[in-house]
Amino acid sequence: MATPNYGFEKRQRELAKKRKKEDKLKAKAERKPGQGDDDHTDGDADNAAPGESGGEGSGSD
């Protein structure tokens, strides 16, 4: 009975992961910025824990 070729299987998984990542980056590059498709908002400070934003109320008087 033949032994499994783990190196080949690992290489195939790595290639599939690389291909998926490249496809994702390509799709992201095709989207043009400024069309409202962004998931990010300018209110990122709202998601930060208190005291991490460095803005008003940081408590460093």
Protein backbone atom coordinates (compact mmCIF):
# COMPACT_ATOMS: atom_id res chain seq x y z
CA MET A 1 0.00 0.00 0.00
CA ALA A 2 1.27 3.50 -0.88
CA THR A 3 1.97 6.02 1.85
CA PRO A 4 0.21 9.39 1.81
CA ASN A 5 2.18 12.27 0.35
CA TYR A 6 1.59 14.88 3.02
CA GLY A 7 3.95 17.36 1.37
CA PHE A 8 1.86 17.35 -1.81
CA GLU A 9 -1.38 17.82 0.13
CA LYS A 10 0.10 20.70 2.11
CA ARG A 11 1.35 22.38 -1.06
CA GLN A 12 -2.09 22.07 -2.64
CA ARG A 13 -3.71 23.67 0.42
CA GLU A 14 -1.16 26.50 0.35
CA LEU A 15 -1.77 27.11 -3.36
CA ALA A 16 -5.53 27.15 -2.84
CA LYS A 17 -5.16 29.63 0.04
CA LYS A 18 -2.86 31.84 -2.06
CA ARG A 19 -5.27 31.73 -5.01
CA LYS A 20 -8.21 32.68 -2.78
CA LYS A 21 -6.27 35.56 -1.25
CA GLU A 22 -5.26 36.88 -4.68
CA ASP A 23 -8.85 36.67 -5.91
CA LYS A 24 -10.01 38.58 -2.85
CA LEU A 25 -7.39 41.31 -3.34
CA LYS A 26 -8.28 41.55 -7.03
CA ALA A 27 -11.98 41.94 -6.23
CA LYS A 28 -11.16 44.56 -3.60
CA ALA A 29 -9.01 46.50 -6.08
CA GLU A 30 -11.83 46.45 -8.64
CA ARG A 31 -14.12 48.22 -6.20
CA LYS A 32 -13.50 51.91 -6.50
CA PRO A 33 -13.16 53.93 -3.29
CA GLY A 34 -15.74 56.59 -2.56
CA GLN A 35 -18.79 54.78 -3.91
CA GLY A 36 -20.28 53.94 -0.53
CA ASP A 37 -19.37 50.25 -0.61
CA ASP A 38 -16.95 50.62 2.28
CA ASP A 39 -17.71 48.74 5.47
CA HIS A 40 -15.62 51.23 7.44
CA THR A 41 -16.97 54.46 8.82
CA ASP A 42 -15.29 57.58 10.10
CA GLY A 43 -16.66 56.88 13.58
CA ASP A 44 -14.05 54.29 14.51
CA ALA A 45 -13.58 56.02 17.88
CA ASP A 46 -17.11 54.92 18.79
CA ASN A 47 -15.95 51.30 18.74
CA ALA A 48 -12.88 51.89 20.91
CA ALA A 49 -12.93 51.20 24.61
CA PRO A 50 -13.15 54.26 26.87
CA GLY A 51 -9.78 55.94 27.24
CA GLU A 52 -8.25 54.35 24.15
CA SER A 53 -9.34 56.95 21.60
CA GLY A 54 -7.08 59.66 23.02
CA GLY A 55 -9.76 62.28 22.40
CA GLU A 56 -11.88 64.21 24.83
CA GLY A 57 -12.25 62.82 28.31
CA SER A 58 -9.02 60.92 28.30
CA GLY A 59 -8.47 61.82 31.95
CA SER A 60 -4.99 63.31 31.56
CA ASP A 61 -5.53 66.64 33.36
